N, C-alpha and C. Protein backbone atom coordinates (compact mmCIF):
# COMPACT_ATOMS: atom_id res chain seq x y z
N MET A 1 67.02 82.95 116.69
CA MET A 1 66.39 84.24 116.91
C MET A 1 66.05 84.84 115.55
N SER A 2 64.82 85.20 115.35
CA SER A 2 64.41 85.76 114.08
C SER A 2 63.72 87.10 114.30
N TYR A 3 64.12 88.08 113.52
CA TYR A 3 63.55 89.41 113.62
C TYR A 3 63.58 90.04 112.24
N SER A 4 62.53 90.72 111.91
CA SER A 4 62.50 91.43 110.65
C SER A 4 61.92 92.82 110.88
N ALA A 5 62.63 93.83 110.44
CA ALA A 5 62.16 95.21 110.61
C ALA A 5 60.95 95.45 109.73
N SER A 6 60.02 96.23 110.23
CA SER A 6 58.81 96.55 109.47
C SER A 6 58.76 98.04 109.20
N ARG A 7 57.80 98.43 108.41
CA ARG A 7 57.62 99.86 108.12
C ARG A 7 57.30 100.63 109.41
N ASN A 8 56.57 100.00 110.32
CA ASN A 8 56.25 100.66 111.59
C ASN A 8 57.52 100.91 112.40
N ASP A 9 58.45 99.95 112.38
CA ASP A 9 59.73 100.14 113.07
C ASP A 9 60.48 101.33 112.48
N VAL A 10 60.46 101.45 111.16
CA VAL A 10 61.13 102.56 110.49
C VAL A 10 60.47 103.88 110.86
N LYS A 11 59.14 103.89 110.91
CA LYS A 11 58.42 105.11 111.30
C LYS A 11 58.77 105.52 112.72
N GLN A 12 58.87 104.56 113.63
CA GLN A 12 59.25 104.87 115.01
C GLN A 12 60.66 105.45 115.08
N LEU A 13 61.56 104.87 114.31
CA LEU A 13 62.94 105.38 114.29
C LEU A 13 62.99 106.80 113.75
N THR A 14 62.25 107.07 112.69
CA THR A 14 62.26 108.43 112.13
C THR A 14 61.68 109.43 113.12
N GLN A 15 60.65 109.02 113.88
CA GLN A 15 60.08 109.90 114.90
C GLN A 15 61.09 110.17 116.01
N GLN A 16 61.81 109.12 116.43
CA GLN A 16 62.84 109.30 117.46
C GLN A 16 63.95 110.23 116.97
N ILE A 17 64.34 110.06 115.72
CA ILE A 17 65.39 110.90 115.14
C ILE A 17 64.93 112.36 115.10
N GLU A 18 63.69 112.57 114.70
CA GLU A 18 63.15 113.93 114.65
C GLU A 18 63.15 114.56 116.05
N ASN A 19 62.70 113.81 117.04
CA ASN A 19 62.68 114.33 118.42
C ASN A 19 64.09 114.63 118.93
N LEU A 20 65.03 113.72 118.65
CA LEU A 20 66.40 113.94 119.08
C LEU A 20 67.01 115.16 118.41
N ALA A 21 66.72 115.34 117.12
CA ALA A 21 67.26 116.50 116.40
C ALA A 21 66.74 117.79 117.00
N LYS A 22 65.47 117.81 117.38
CA LYS A 22 64.91 119.00 118.02
C LYS A 22 65.57 119.25 119.37
N GLN A 23 65.80 118.17 120.13
CA GLN A 23 66.43 118.32 121.44
C GLN A 23 67.86 118.82 121.32
N VAL A 24 68.58 118.33 120.31
CA VAL A 24 69.96 118.80 120.08
C VAL A 24 69.95 120.28 119.74
N THR A 25 68.98 120.69 118.92
CA THR A 25 68.88 122.10 118.54
C THR A 25 68.61 122.98 119.77
N VAL A 26 67.73 122.51 120.64
CA VAL A 26 67.44 123.27 121.87
C VAL A 26 68.68 123.37 122.74
N LYS A 27 69.41 122.27 122.89
CA LYS A 27 70.63 122.28 123.71
C LYS A 27 71.69 123.21 123.11
N LEU A 28 71.81 123.20 121.78
CA LEU A 28 72.77 124.09 121.12
C LEU A 28 72.41 125.55 121.36
N ASP A 29 71.13 125.87 121.21
CA ASP A 29 70.69 127.26 121.42
C ASP A 29 70.89 127.70 122.86
N ALA A 30 70.74 126.77 123.80
CA ALA A 30 70.88 127.10 125.22
C ALA A 30 72.33 127.07 125.68
N GLY A 31 73.23 126.61 124.83
CA GLY A 31 74.63 126.53 125.21
C GLY A 31 74.92 125.39 126.19
N GLU A 32 74.06 124.40 126.20
CA GLU A 32 74.21 123.26 127.10
C GLU A 32 74.95 122.12 126.42
N ASP A 33 75.25 121.07 127.19
CA ASP A 33 75.96 119.91 126.66
C ASP A 33 75.03 119.11 125.74
N PHE A 34 75.35 119.09 124.48
CA PHE A 34 74.52 118.42 123.48
C PHE A 34 75.09 117.09 123.01
N LEU A 35 76.31 116.78 123.42
CA LEU A 35 77.01 115.61 122.89
C LEU A 35 76.30 114.28 123.16
N PRO A 36 75.78 114.01 124.36
CA PRO A 36 75.08 112.74 124.56
C PRO A 36 73.88 112.57 123.63
N LEU A 37 73.12 113.64 123.45
CA LEU A 37 71.98 113.57 122.53
C LEU A 37 72.44 113.40 121.08
N ALA A 38 73.51 114.08 120.73
CA ALA A 38 74.04 113.96 119.37
C ALA A 38 74.52 112.54 119.10
N ASN A 39 75.15 111.92 120.09
CA ASN A 39 75.59 110.53 119.93
C ASN A 39 74.40 109.59 119.74
N GLU A 40 73.34 109.81 120.50
CA GLU A 40 72.13 109.01 120.36
C GLU A 40 71.49 109.23 118.99
N LEU A 41 71.54 110.46 118.52
CA LEU A 41 71.00 110.78 117.20
C LEU A 41 71.76 110.03 116.10
N VAL A 42 73.06 109.99 116.20
CA VAL A 42 73.88 109.28 115.22
C VAL A 42 73.61 107.78 115.28
N ARG A 43 73.49 107.24 116.48
CA ARG A 43 73.22 105.81 116.64
C ARG A 43 71.88 105.45 116.01
N ASN A 44 70.86 106.26 116.27
CA ASN A 44 69.55 105.99 115.68
C ASN A 44 69.55 106.16 114.18
N SER A 45 70.34 107.11 113.68
CA SER A 45 70.44 107.30 112.23
C SER A 45 71.08 106.09 111.56
N SER A 46 72.10 105.54 112.20
CA SER A 46 72.73 104.33 111.66
C SER A 46 71.77 103.15 111.68
N THR A 47 71.03 103.02 112.77
CA THR A 47 70.05 101.95 112.87
C THR A 47 68.98 102.10 111.80
N LEU A 48 68.57 103.34 111.55
CA LEU A 48 67.57 103.60 110.51
C LEU A 48 68.07 103.14 109.14
N THR A 49 69.34 103.40 108.85
CA THR A 49 69.89 102.99 107.56
C THR A 49 69.76 101.49 107.37
N PHE A 50 70.12 100.71 108.39
CA PHE A 50 70.04 99.25 108.27
C PHE A 50 68.60 98.78 108.24
N ALA A 51 67.72 99.42 109.02
CA ALA A 51 66.31 99.03 109.03
C ALA A 51 65.67 99.30 107.67
N LEU A 52 66.00 100.43 107.08
CA LEU A 52 65.47 100.74 105.74
C LEU A 52 65.95 99.72 104.72
N GLY A 53 67.22 99.35 104.80
CA GLY A 53 67.74 98.33 103.88
C GLY A 53 67.05 97.00 104.07
N GLU A 54 66.78 96.65 105.31
CA GLU A 54 66.11 95.38 105.59
C GLU A 54 64.68 95.38 105.07
N VAL A 55 63.96 96.48 105.32
CA VAL A 55 62.58 96.58 104.83
C VAL A 55 62.57 96.51 103.30
N TYR A 56 63.49 97.20 102.67
CA TYR A 56 63.56 97.17 101.21
C TYR A 56 63.83 95.76 100.71
N ALA A 57 64.78 95.08 101.34
CA ALA A 57 65.13 93.72 100.91
C ALA A 57 63.96 92.76 101.09
N VAL A 58 63.28 92.86 102.21
CA VAL A 58 62.14 91.97 102.47
C VAL A 58 61.02 92.25 101.47
N GLU A 59 60.79 93.52 101.16
CA GLU A 59 59.75 93.86 100.19
C GLU A 59 60.12 93.41 98.79
N GLN A 60 61.40 93.44 98.45
CA GLN A 60 61.83 92.97 97.13
C GLN A 60 61.64 91.47 97.00
N LEU A 61 61.78 90.75 98.13
CA LEU A 61 61.57 89.31 98.11
C LEU A 61 60.08 88.97 98.15
N GLY A 62 59.25 90.00 98.29
CA GLY A 62 57.82 89.76 98.35
C GLY A 62 57.36 89.27 99.70
N GLY A 63 58.20 89.41 100.69
CA GLY A 63 57.83 88.97 102.03
C GLY A 63 57.75 87.46 102.15
N SER A 64 58.24 86.76 101.13
CA SER A 64 58.13 85.30 101.14
C SER A 64 59.18 84.65 102.03
N LYS A 65 60.25 85.37 102.31
CA LYS A 65 61.31 84.81 103.14
C LYS A 65 61.51 85.66 104.37
N LYS A 66 61.84 85.02 105.45
CA LYS A 66 62.14 85.73 106.68
C LYS A 66 63.64 85.96 106.77
N VAL A 67 64.02 87.09 107.27
CA VAL A 67 65.43 87.39 107.49
C VAL A 67 65.72 87.02 108.93
N SER A 68 66.75 86.23 109.13
CA SER A 68 67.07 85.84 110.50
C SER A 68 68.40 86.44 110.91
N ALA A 69 68.46 86.80 112.16
CA ALA A 69 69.67 87.39 112.71
C ALA A 69 70.26 86.44 113.73
N LYS A 70 71.56 86.37 113.77
CA LYS A 70 72.25 85.52 114.73
C LYS A 70 73.05 86.38 115.68
N VAL A 71 73.07 85.99 116.92
CA VAL A 71 73.88 86.69 117.91
C VAL A 71 75.32 86.25 117.72
N VAL A 72 76.19 87.21 117.55
CA VAL A 72 77.61 86.92 117.33
C VAL A 72 78.34 87.13 118.63
N LYS A 73 79.06 86.12 119.04
CA LYS A 73 79.84 86.23 120.27
C LYS A 73 81.18 86.87 119.95
N SER A 74 81.60 87.75 120.84
CA SER A 74 82.90 88.37 120.62
C SER A 74 83.99 87.36 120.98
N SER A 75 85.06 87.46 120.25
CA SER A 75 86.17 86.54 120.46
C SER A 75 86.89 86.88 121.76
N SER A 76 87.14 85.86 122.54
CA SER A 76 87.89 86.09 123.78
C SER A 76 89.39 85.96 123.53
N ASN A 77 89.76 85.63 122.30
CA ASN A 77 91.17 85.46 121.97
C ASN A 77 91.74 86.79 121.49
N THR A 78 92.39 87.50 122.37
CA THR A 78 92.98 88.79 122.00
C THR A 78 94.43 88.64 121.57
N GLN A 79 94.93 87.41 121.62
CA GLN A 79 96.32 87.16 121.21
C GLN A 79 96.55 87.57 119.76
N THR A 80 95.55 87.37 118.91
CA THR A 80 95.68 87.72 117.49
C THR A 80 95.98 89.20 117.34
N ASN A 81 95.25 90.05 118.06
CA ASN A 81 95.49 91.48 117.97
C ASN A 81 96.87 91.85 118.48
N ARG A 82 97.32 91.17 119.52
CA ARG A 82 98.66 91.45 120.04
C ARG A 82 99.72 91.06 119.02
N ASN A 83 99.49 89.96 118.32
CA ASN A 83 100.47 89.54 117.31
C ASN A 83 100.61 90.59 116.22
N TYR A 84 99.49 91.13 115.75
CA TYR A 84 99.55 92.16 114.72
C TYR A 84 100.23 93.41 115.26
N HIS A 85 99.93 93.77 116.48
CA HIS A 85 100.52 94.96 117.08
C HIS A 85 102.03 94.79 117.21
N ASN A 86 102.46 93.59 117.60
CA ASN A 86 103.88 93.33 117.77
C ASN A 86 104.63 93.32 116.44
N LEU A 87 103.93 93.07 115.35
CA LEU A 87 104.58 93.02 114.04
C LEU A 87 104.58 94.38 113.34
N ARG A 88 104.09 95.40 113.98
CA ARG A 88 104.02 96.70 113.33
C ARG A 88 105.34 97.44 113.52
N ASP A 89 105.85 97.95 112.42
CA ASP A 89 107.05 98.77 112.45
C ASP A 89 106.61 100.19 112.77
N THR A 90 106.97 100.67 113.94
CA THR A 90 106.48 101.98 114.37
C THR A 90 107.06 103.13 113.56
N ALA A 91 108.20 102.94 112.97
CA ALA A 91 108.81 104.03 112.19
C ALA A 91 108.03 104.29 110.91
N THR A 92 107.60 103.21 110.24
CA THR A 92 106.91 103.38 108.96
C THR A 92 105.40 103.20 109.09
N GLY A 93 104.95 102.61 110.20
CA GLY A 93 103.53 102.37 110.37
C GLY A 93 103.04 101.17 109.60
N ARG A 94 103.97 100.38 109.07
CA ARG A 94 103.61 99.18 108.29
C ARG A 94 103.97 97.94 109.06
N PHE A 95 103.44 96.82 108.59
CA PHE A 95 103.78 95.55 109.21
C PHE A 95 105.19 95.15 108.80
N ARG A 96 105.90 94.53 109.70
CA ARG A 96 107.25 94.05 109.42
C ARG A 96 107.25 92.53 109.45
N SER A 97 108.33 91.94 109.00
CA SER A 97 108.43 90.49 109.01
C SER A 97 108.66 90.01 110.43
N LYS A 98 108.36 88.73 110.67
CA LYS A 98 108.50 88.16 112.01
C LYS A 98 109.96 88.03 112.42
N VAL A 99 110.85 88.02 111.48
CA VAL A 99 112.26 87.75 111.77
C VAL A 99 112.92 88.88 112.48
């Protein structure tokens, strides 16, 4: 799977962010629930940061190379997390020895 963000993608994201910011402002003024819109605004802002970095990197390379993205599968092995949790000393908040 190959995808590369373009300047048009960045422009679309900035337009979405602007619209969401206006909607959040309207909800705040009306005393309505603004949290779902605010969460979407933060998500789009984070996406914009990565898209801007990607556009910058591609432009620095002169567009000669394509950036490829790989789908990462989440680990189904949760035993590792349980092991770390079981080794935590609750009194100090630090890891303890296995013994």
